[in-house]
N, C-alpha and C. Protein backbone atom coordinates (compact mmCIF):
# COMPACT_ATOMS: atom_id res chain seq x y z
N MET A 1 165.87 69.22 117.05
CA MET A 1 164.93 69.03 118.75
C MET A 1 165.61 69.34 119.47
N LYS A 2 165.28 70.31 120.42
CA LYS A 2 166.46 70.00 121.46
C LYS A 2 165.66 69.16 123.40
N VAL A 3 166.51 68.80 123.44
CA VAL A 3 165.64 67.57 124.60
C VAL A 3 166.50 68.03 125.99
N ALA A 4 166.21 68.23 127.52
CA ALA A 4 166.58 68.10 128.66
C ALA A 4 165.86 67.04 128.81
N VAL A 5 167.49 66.27 129.79
CA VAL A 5 167.13 65.45 130.45
C VAL A 5 167.61 65.66 131.76
N VAL A 6 165.97 65.57 132.49
CA VAL A 6 166.45 66.30 133.26
C VAL A 6 166.75 65.18 135.10
N TYR A 7 167.40 64.56 136.17
CA TYR A 7 167.09 63.54 136.72
C TYR A 7 168.21 64.27 138.08
N TRP A 8 167.64 63.26 139.19
CA TRP A 8 167.73 62.86 140.08
C TRP A 8 168.31 61.46 140.79
N SER A 9 169.43 61.41 141.30
CA SER A 9 170.26 59.94 141.47
C SER A 9 171.05 59.87 142.91
N GLY A 10 170.96 59.39 143.69
CA GLY A 10 171.04 58.87 144.46
C GLY A 10 171.99 58.03 145.12
N THR A 11 171.94 56.43 143.73
CA THR A 11 172.66 55.43 143.85
C THR A 11 173.90 55.85 142.89
N GLY A 12 173.62 56.23 141.65
CA GLY A 12 173.60 56.27 140.68
C GLY A 12 172.97 55.86 139.35
N ASN A 13 171.78 55.07 140.05
CA ASN A 13 171.12 54.04 139.22
C ASN A 13 169.93 54.92 138.30
N THR A 14 169.90 55.98 138.79
CA THR A 14 169.20 57.15 137.73
C THR A 14 169.76 57.60 136.78
N GLU A 15 171.11 57.97 137.26
CA GLU A 15 172.42 58.21 136.82
C GLU A 15 172.15 58.43 135.55
N MET A 16 173.00 56.36 135.67
CA MET A 16 173.50 55.78 134.25
C MET A 16 171.86 55.75 133.65
N MET A 17 170.86 55.89 133.68
CA MET A 17 169.52 55.56 132.93
C MET A 17 169.96 56.36 131.68
N ALA A 18 169.90 58.02 132.82
CA ALA A 18 169.59 59.67 132.61
C ALA A 18 171.01 59.51 131.44
N GLN A 19 171.80 59.13 131.66
CA GLN A 19 172.94 58.81 130.77
C GLN A 19 172.45 58.25 129.15
N ALA A 20 172.08 56.43 129.09
CA ALA A 20 171.80 56.23 128.45
C ALA A 20 170.48 56.96 127.35
N MET A 21 169.33 57.79 128.06
CA MET A 21 168.35 59.10 127.48
C MET A 21 169.12 59.83 127.10
N ALA A 22 170.55 60.48 127.19
CA ALA A 22 170.99 61.04 126.00
C ALA A 22 171.27 60.73 125.65
N GLU A 23 172.53 59.80 125.44
CA GLU A 23 172.54 58.70 124.32
C GLU A 23 172.05 58.19 122.85
N GLY A 24 170.47 57.96 123.99
CA GLY A 24 169.48 57.80 122.03
C GLY A 24 169.12 58.82 121.69
N ALA A 25 168.76 59.94 122.67
CA ALA A 25 167.94 61.02 122.14
C ALA A 25 168.83 61.53 121.22
N ARG A 26 170.79 61.74 121.40
CA ARG A 26 171.59 61.82 120.01
C ARG A 26 171.51 61.21 119.11
N GLU A 27 171.39 59.98 119.62
CA GLU A 27 171.38 59.45 118.46
C GLU A 27 170.51 59.40 117.04
N ALA A 28 168.76 59.50 117.56
CA ALA A 28 167.43 60.05 116.85
C ALA A 28 168.06 61.39 115.98
N GLY A 29 168.79 62.22 116.54
CA GLY A 29 169.25 63.87 116.31
C GLY A 29 168.92 64.72 116.69
N ALA A 30 168.67 64.77 118.49
CA ALA A 30 168.23 65.60 119.42
C ALA A 30 169.57 66.24 119.76
N GLU A 31 169.58 67.96 120.13
CA GLU A 31 170.54 67.52 121.07
C GLU A 31 170.12 68.47 122.14
N VAL A 32 170.85 67.48 123.18
CA VAL A 32 171.03 66.82 123.98
C VAL A 32 171.45 68.03 125.55
N GLU A 33 170.66 68.01 127.05
CA GLU A 33 171.50 69.18 127.47
C GLU A 33 170.94 68.23 128.90
N LEU A 34 172.31 67.60 129.39
CA LEU A 34 171.96 66.76 130.76
C LEU A 34 171.90 67.38 132.46
N LEU A 35 170.63 67.53 132.98
CA LEU A 35 170.87 69.00 133.79
C LEU A 35 169.90 67.81 135.49
N THR A 36 170.32 67.72 136.53
CA THR A 36 169.79 68.27 137.51
C THR A 36 168.64 69.05 138.18
N PRO A 37 167.99 69.13 139.09
CA PRO A 37 167.16 69.81 139.40
C PRO A 37 167.35 71.01 139.39
N GLU A 38 168.72 70.98 140.44
CA GLU A 38 169.37 72.47 140.74
C GLU A 38 170.00 72.95 139.49
N GLY A 39 169.72 72.70 138.43
CA GLY A 39 170.31 73.51 137.35
C GLY A 39 169.65 73.56 136.42
N PHE A 40 167.73 73.18 136.56
CA PHE A 40 166.75 73.12 135.32
C PHE A 40 165.41 73.34 136.31
N PRO A 41 165.34 75.22 136.78
CA PRO A 41 164.21 75.52 137.27
C PRO A 41 163.22 75.97 135.36
N ALA A 42 161.68 76.20 136.37
CA ALA A 42 160.72 76.23 135.90
C ALA A 42 160.89 77.59 134.25
N SER A 43 161.65 78.49 135.07
CA SER A 43 161.47 79.26 133.69
C SER A 43 162.69 78.88 132.68
N LYS A 44 163.21 78.09 132.74
CA LYS A 44 164.05 77.25 131.87
C LYS A 44 163.23 76.62 130.68
N LEU A 45 162.38 75.69 130.65
CA LEU A 45 161.68 74.92 129.99
C LEU A 45 162.03 75.67 128.72
N GLY A 46 161.25 77.18 128.45
CA GLY A 46 160.53 77.67 127.72
C GLY A 46 162.23 77.34 125.79
N ASN A 47 163.66 77.01 126.83
CA ASN A 47 164.77 76.86 126.19
C ASN A 47 164.58 75.21 125.51
N PHE A 48 163.27 74.53 125.54
CA PHE A 48 163.26 73.17 125.23
C PHE A 48 162.51 72.89 124.45
N ASP A 49 162.17 71.87 123.76
CA ASP A 49 161.02 71.40 122.74
C ASP A 49 160.23 69.71 123.15
N ALA A 50 161.15 69.17 124.56
CA ALA A 50 160.74 67.90 125.36
C ALA A 50 161.51 67.80 126.11
N LEU A 51 160.89 67.05 127.44
CA LEU A 51 162.10 66.51 128.04
C LEU A 51 161.49 65.27 128.84
N LEU A 52 162.92 65.03 128.84
CA LEU A 52 162.70 63.38 129.30
C LEU A 52 163.53 63.51 131.14
N LEU A 53 162.38 63.23 132.18
CA LEU A 53 162.92 63.32 133.81
C LEU A 53 162.74 62.30 134.10
N GLY A 54 163.71 61.78 134.68
CA GLY A 54 164.32 60.99 135.64
C GLY A 54 164.58 60.81 136.90
N CYS A 55 163.93 60.12 137.67
CA CYS A 55 163.73 60.38 139.29
C CYS A 55 162.75 59.23 140.43
N PRO A 56 164.58 58.12 141.04
CA PRO A 56 163.90 56.96 141.22
C PRO A 56 162.87 57.23 142.76
N ALA A 57 162.10 55.85 142.45
CA ALA A 57 160.81 55.71 143.82
C ALA A 57 162.01 55.99 145.08
N MET A 58 160.90 56.53 146.02
CA MET A 58 161.29 57.81 147.20
C MET A 58 160.44 56.60 148.43
N GLY A 59 160.48 56.55 149.26
CA GLY A 59 159.86 56.00 150.78
C GLY A 59 158.70 55.16 150.57
N ASN A 60 157.74 56.02 150.36
CA ASN A 60 156.62 55.34 149.83
C ASN A 60 155.63 55.36 148.61
N GLU A 61 157.13 55.33 147.18
CA GLU A 61 156.72 55.00 146.07
C GLU A 61 156.81 56.43 145.57
N VAL A 62 157.30 57.41 146.06
CA VAL A 62 157.58 58.77 145.77
C VAL A 62 157.70 59.13 145.16
N LEU A 63 158.78 60.59 144.67
CA LEU A 63 159.23 61.35 143.74
C LEU A 63 160.68 61.80 145.02
N GLU A 64 161.85 62.08 144.48
CA GLU A 64 162.77 62.14 145.43
C GLU A 64 162.16 63.80 145.64
N GLU A 65 162.50 63.73 147.58
CA GLU A 65 161.23 64.68 148.73
C GLU A 65 162.36 66.49 148.12
N SER A 66 163.74 66.45 148.74
CA SER A 66 163.79 67.35 148.37
C SER A 66 164.46 68.40 147.65
N GLU A 67 164.77 67.14 146.43
CA GLU A 67 165.10 68.06 145.47
C GLU A 67 164.25 68.11 144.10
N PHE A 68 164.31 66.50 143.19
CA PHE A 68 163.15 66.39 142.59
C PHE A 68 161.82 67.04 142.44
N GLU A 69 161.21 66.42 144.05
CA GLU A 69 159.96 67.26 143.83
C GLU A 69 159.43 68.53 143.87
N PRO A 70 160.14 70.09 144.37
CA PRO A 70 159.86 70.67 144.08
C PRO A 70 160.16 71.53 143.07
N MET A 71 161.46 70.60 142.37
CA MET A 71 162.14 71.28 141.12
C MET A 71 160.39 70.96 140.89
N PHE A 72 159.90 69.55 140.39
CA PHE A 72 158.94 69.48 139.27
C PHE A 72 157.52 69.86 140.06
N THR A 73 157.12 70.01 140.85
CA THR A 73 155.82 71.35 141.02
C THR A 73 155.72 71.92 140.26
N ALA A 74 157.25 72.74 140.69
CA ALA A 74 157.15 74.23 139.97
C ALA A 74 156.49 74.44 138.78
N LEU A 75 157.23 73.29 137.99
CA LEU A 75 157.43 72.98 136.72
C LEU A 75 155.71 71.98 136.40
N GLU A 76 155.06 71.84 136.22
CA GLU A 76 154.30 71.00 136.25
C GLU A 76 152.96 71.71 135.20
N LYS A 77 152.99 72.64 135.90
CA LYS A 77 151.90 73.65 135.46
C LYS A 77 151.84 74.88 134.44
N HIS A 78 153.49 74.24 134.12
CA HIS A 78 153.93 74.43 132.64
C HIS A 78 154.01 73.73 131.24
N LEU A 79 153.79 72.50 131.52
CA LEU A 79 153.52 71.11 130.32
C LEU A 79 152.37 70.87 129.79
N GLU A 80 151.87 71.58 129.67
CA GLU A 80 151.13 72.03 128.16
C GLU A 80 150.76 71.51 127.54
N GLY A 81 151.10 70.23 126.47
CA GLY A 81 151.65 70.02 125.08
C GLY A 81 152.69 69.52 125.15
N VAL A 82 153.55 69.76 126.83
CA VAL A 82 155.06 69.32 126.34
C VAL A 82 155.09 68.12 126.06
N PRO A 83 155.52 67.32 125.22
CA PRO A 83 156.35 65.93 125.20
C PRO A 83 156.65 66.06 126.53
N VAL A 84 157.00 64.49 127.03
CA VAL A 84 156.80 64.73 128.11
C VAL A 84 157.77 62.55 128.47
N GLY A 85 158.90 63.05 128.87
CA GLY A 85 159.20 61.28 128.84
C GLY A 85 159.54 60.57 129.76
N LEU A 86 159.26 59.35 130.96
CA LEU A 86 159.89 59.51 131.61
C LEU A 86 160.24 57.59 131.85
N PHE A 87 161.89 57.92 133.63
CA PHE A 87 162.13 57.25 134.40
C PHE A 87 162.63 56.85 135.12
N GLY A 88 163.58 56.15 135.26
CA GLY A 88 163.79 55.85 136.68
C GLY A 88 163.85 54.91 137.56
N SER A 89 164.92 54.61 138.93
CA SER A 89 164.11 52.95 139.24
C SER A 89 163.76 52.80 140.65
N TYR A 90 164.06 51.79 140.98
CA TYR A 90 163.52 51.22 142.40
C TYR A 90 163.66 50.48 142.58
N GLY A 91 163.80 50.28 143.81
CA GLY A 91 164.18 49.54 144.71
C GLY A 91 162.90 48.08 145.70
N TRP A 92 161.72 48.38 145.80
CA TRP A 92 160.62 47.20 146.54
C TRP A 92 159.36 48.59 145.38
N GLY A 93 158.37 47.70 145.39
CA GLY A 93 156.66 48.15 145.48
C GLY A 93 157.42 47.31 144.16
N SER A 94 156.06 48.53 143.39
CA SER A 94 155.46 47.69 142.04
C SER A 94 155.19 48.65 141.09
N GLY A 95 156.60 49.84 141.22
CA GLY A 95 156.24 51.04 139.68
C GLY A 95 155.52 52.24 139.72
N GLU A 96 154.28 51.68 141.31
CA GLU A 96 153.27 52.15 141.40
C GLU A 96 153.40 54.38 141.48
N TRP A 97 155.22 54.03 141.78
CA TRP A 97 155.31 56.35 141.94
C TRP A 97 155.33 56.68 140.09
N MET A 98 155.78 55.50 139.46
CA MET A 98 155.83 55.72 137.95
C MET A 98 154.75 56.15 137.11
N GLU A 99 153.33 55.06 137.67
CA GLU A 99 152.11 55.48 137.90
C GLU A 99 151.46 57.50 137.24
N ASP A 100 152.23 56.81 139.50
CA ASP A 100 150.94 58.48 139.87
C ASP A 100 152.39 59.29 138.65
N TRP A 101 152.71 59.25 139.06
CA TRP A 101 154.12 60.69 137.97
C TRP A 101 153.06 60.72 136.10
N GLN A 102 152.79 59.78 135.88
CA GLN A 102 152.61 59.97 134.59
C GLN A 102 151.15 60.19 134.70
N ALA A 103 149.66 60.17 136.18
CA ALA A 103 148.91 61.14 135.77
C ALA A 103 149.50 62.51 136.08
N ARG A 104 150.52 62.30 137.04
CA ARG A 104 150.61 64.31 137.03
C ARG A 104 150.23 64.69 136.34
N CYS A 105 151.71 64.50 135.42
CA CYS A 105 151.77 64.82 134.23
C CYS A 105 150.88 65.09 133.07
N LYS A 106 150.36 64.03 133.04
CA LYS A 106 149.28 64.10 132.04
C LYS A 106 148.23 64.86 132.69
N GLU A 107 147.71 65.18 134.69
CA GLU A 107 146.65 65.97 134.32
C GLU A 107 147.25 67.39 133.68
N HIS A 108 148.53 68.16 133.10
CA HIS A 108 149.30 69.27 133.24
C HIS A 108 148.70 69.30 131.81
N GLY A 109 148.63 68.51 130.88
CA GLY A 109 148.19 68.30 130.07
C GLY A 109 149.27 67.62 128.83
N ALA A 110 150.70 67.66 129.75
CA ALA A 110 151.71 67.08 128.89
C ALA A 110 151.34 66.17 127.50
N ASN A 111 152.43 65.89 126.54
CA ASN A 111 151.62 65.02 126.02
C ASN A 111 152.75 63.75 126.55
N VAL A 112 152.32 62.18 126.82
CA VAL A 112 153.44 61.72 128.07
C VAL A 112 153.63 60.66 126.71
N PHE A 113 154.78 60.47 126.76
CA PHE A 113 155.39 59.00 125.53
C PHE A 113 155.53 57.70 126.22
N GLY A 114 154.59 56.20 126.34
CA GLY A 114 154.78 55.62 126.07
C GLY A 114 154.16 54.75 127.70
N ASP A 115 155.00 54.16 128.71
CA ASP A 115 154.80 53.83 130.35
C ASP A 115 155.97 54.55 130.64
N GLY A 116 157.05 55.01 130.11
CA GLY A 116 158.13 55.05 130.76
C GLY A 116 158.79 54.04 131.06
N VAL A 117 160.46 54.32 131.52
CA VAL A 117 160.89 53.15 131.85
C VAL A 117 161.40 52.93 133.07
N ILE A 118 161.37 51.26 133.54
CA ILE A 118 161.60 51.72 135.73
C ILE A 118 162.46 50.03 134.98
N VAL A 119 163.83 50.45 136.28
CA VAL A 119 164.04 49.98 136.46
C VAL A 119 164.83 49.32 137.97
N ASN A 120 164.85 47.59 138.36
CA ASN A 120 164.92 47.71 139.56
C ASN A 120 165.99 47.50 139.85
N ASN A 121 166.73 48.91 140.97
CA ASN A 121 168.40 48.63 141.11
C ASN A 121 169.25 48.92 139.97
N THR A 122 170.64 48.27 139.92
CA THR A 122 170.60 48.97 138.91
C THR A 122 171.23 48.29 137.72
N PRO A 123 170.83 49.60 136.31
CA PRO A 123 170.60 49.07 135.63
C PRO A 123 171.53 48.03 134.77
N ASP A 124 171.12 46.99 134.13
CA ASP A 124 172.07 45.90 133.86
C ASP A 124 172.25 46.33 131.99
N ASP A 125 172.77 45.93 130.60
CA ASP A 125 173.33 46.12 129.80
C ASP A 125 172.18 46.13 129.20
N GLU A 126 170.62 45.53 129.35
CA GLU A 126 169.29 45.49 129.08
C GLU A 126 168.56 46.27 129.17
N ALA A 127 168.71 46.12 130.35
CA ALA A 127 168.43 48.49 130.37
C ALA A 127 168.43 49.29 130.58
N LEU A 128 169.80 49.18 130.12
CA LEU A 128 170.16 50.33 129.52
C LEU A 128 169.65 50.48 128.16
N ALA A 129 170.72 49.67 127.03
CA ALA A 129 169.38 49.90 125.34
C ALA A 129 168.42 49.87 125.43
N GLN A 130 167.09 49.16 126.37
CA GLN A 130 165.96 50.13 126.74
C GLN A 130 166.00 51.34 127.28
N CYS A 131 166.72 52.07 127.44
CA CYS A 131 166.73 53.58 127.80
C CYS A 131 167.03 53.75 126.39
N ARG A 132 167.97 54.30 125.87
CA ARG A 132 168.15 54.19 124.64
C ARG A 132 167.09 54.24 123.37
N SER A 133 166.74 52.86 123.27
CA SER A 133 165.21 52.73 122.58
C SER A 133 164.27 53.63 122.73
N PHE A 134 163.91 54.04 123.46
CA PHE A 134 163.14 54.73 124.83
C PHE A 134 163.28 56.21 124.26
N ALA A 135 163.89 56.37 124.33
CA ALA A 135 165.28 58.07 124.11
C ALA A 135 164.35 58.36 122.44
N GLU A 136 165.48 57.17 121.31
CA GLU A 136 165.08 56.94 120.33
C GLU A 136 163.70 57.52 119.67
N GLY A 137 162.76 56.44 120.56
CA GLY A 137 161.54 56.72 120.18
C GLY A 137 160.86 57.76 120.19
N PHE A 138 160.92 58.21 121.81
CA PHE A 138 160.63 59.46 121.84
C PHE A 138 161.09 60.34 121.00
N VAL A 139 161.76 60.78 120.79
CA VAL A 139 162.52 62.13 119.71
C VAL A 139 161.94 61.71 118.77
N LYS A 140 161.86 60.66 118.20
CA LYS A 140 161.34 60.74 116.63
C LYS A 140 159.94 60.43 116.42
N GLU A 141 158.80 60.55 117.39
CA GLU A 141 157.21 60.76 117.31
C GLU A 141 157.75 62.49 117.52
N ASN A 142 158.06 62.70 118.29
CA ASN A 142 158.30 63.98 118.76
C ASN A 142 158.65 65.43 117.91
N SER A 143 160.04 65.26 116.77
CA SER A 143 160.19 66.03 116.00
C SER A 143 159.06 66.22 114.74
């Protein structure tokens, strides 16, 4: 199984989560590529069996608007039947951005795994272990 872990990070928090997701997916036997939005045009989706997507909450609980949102907007219309797991960090709010993001994925037919992983501010060891566990479960369910 080939998994793309595509993330955007402003402070490094979501990047830490992305690295832990990649580790977990590899531990479960997946071939993993860690990418940022500029390295993942929608045309690259066909090169992968599944996606782990990471973006922090920005502004009024929305996806990052200059890089991640344009990439995701181009990608979402191609998600029919694609296994997708979501993750990200936030500094305020209730996690509404994750709920909205999952709904968008489901509207486009993605096979969304679990409830995603959200972490308040900097991920600690427990949060990073949760990321690795989530990615392992994601790979095992979709292999």
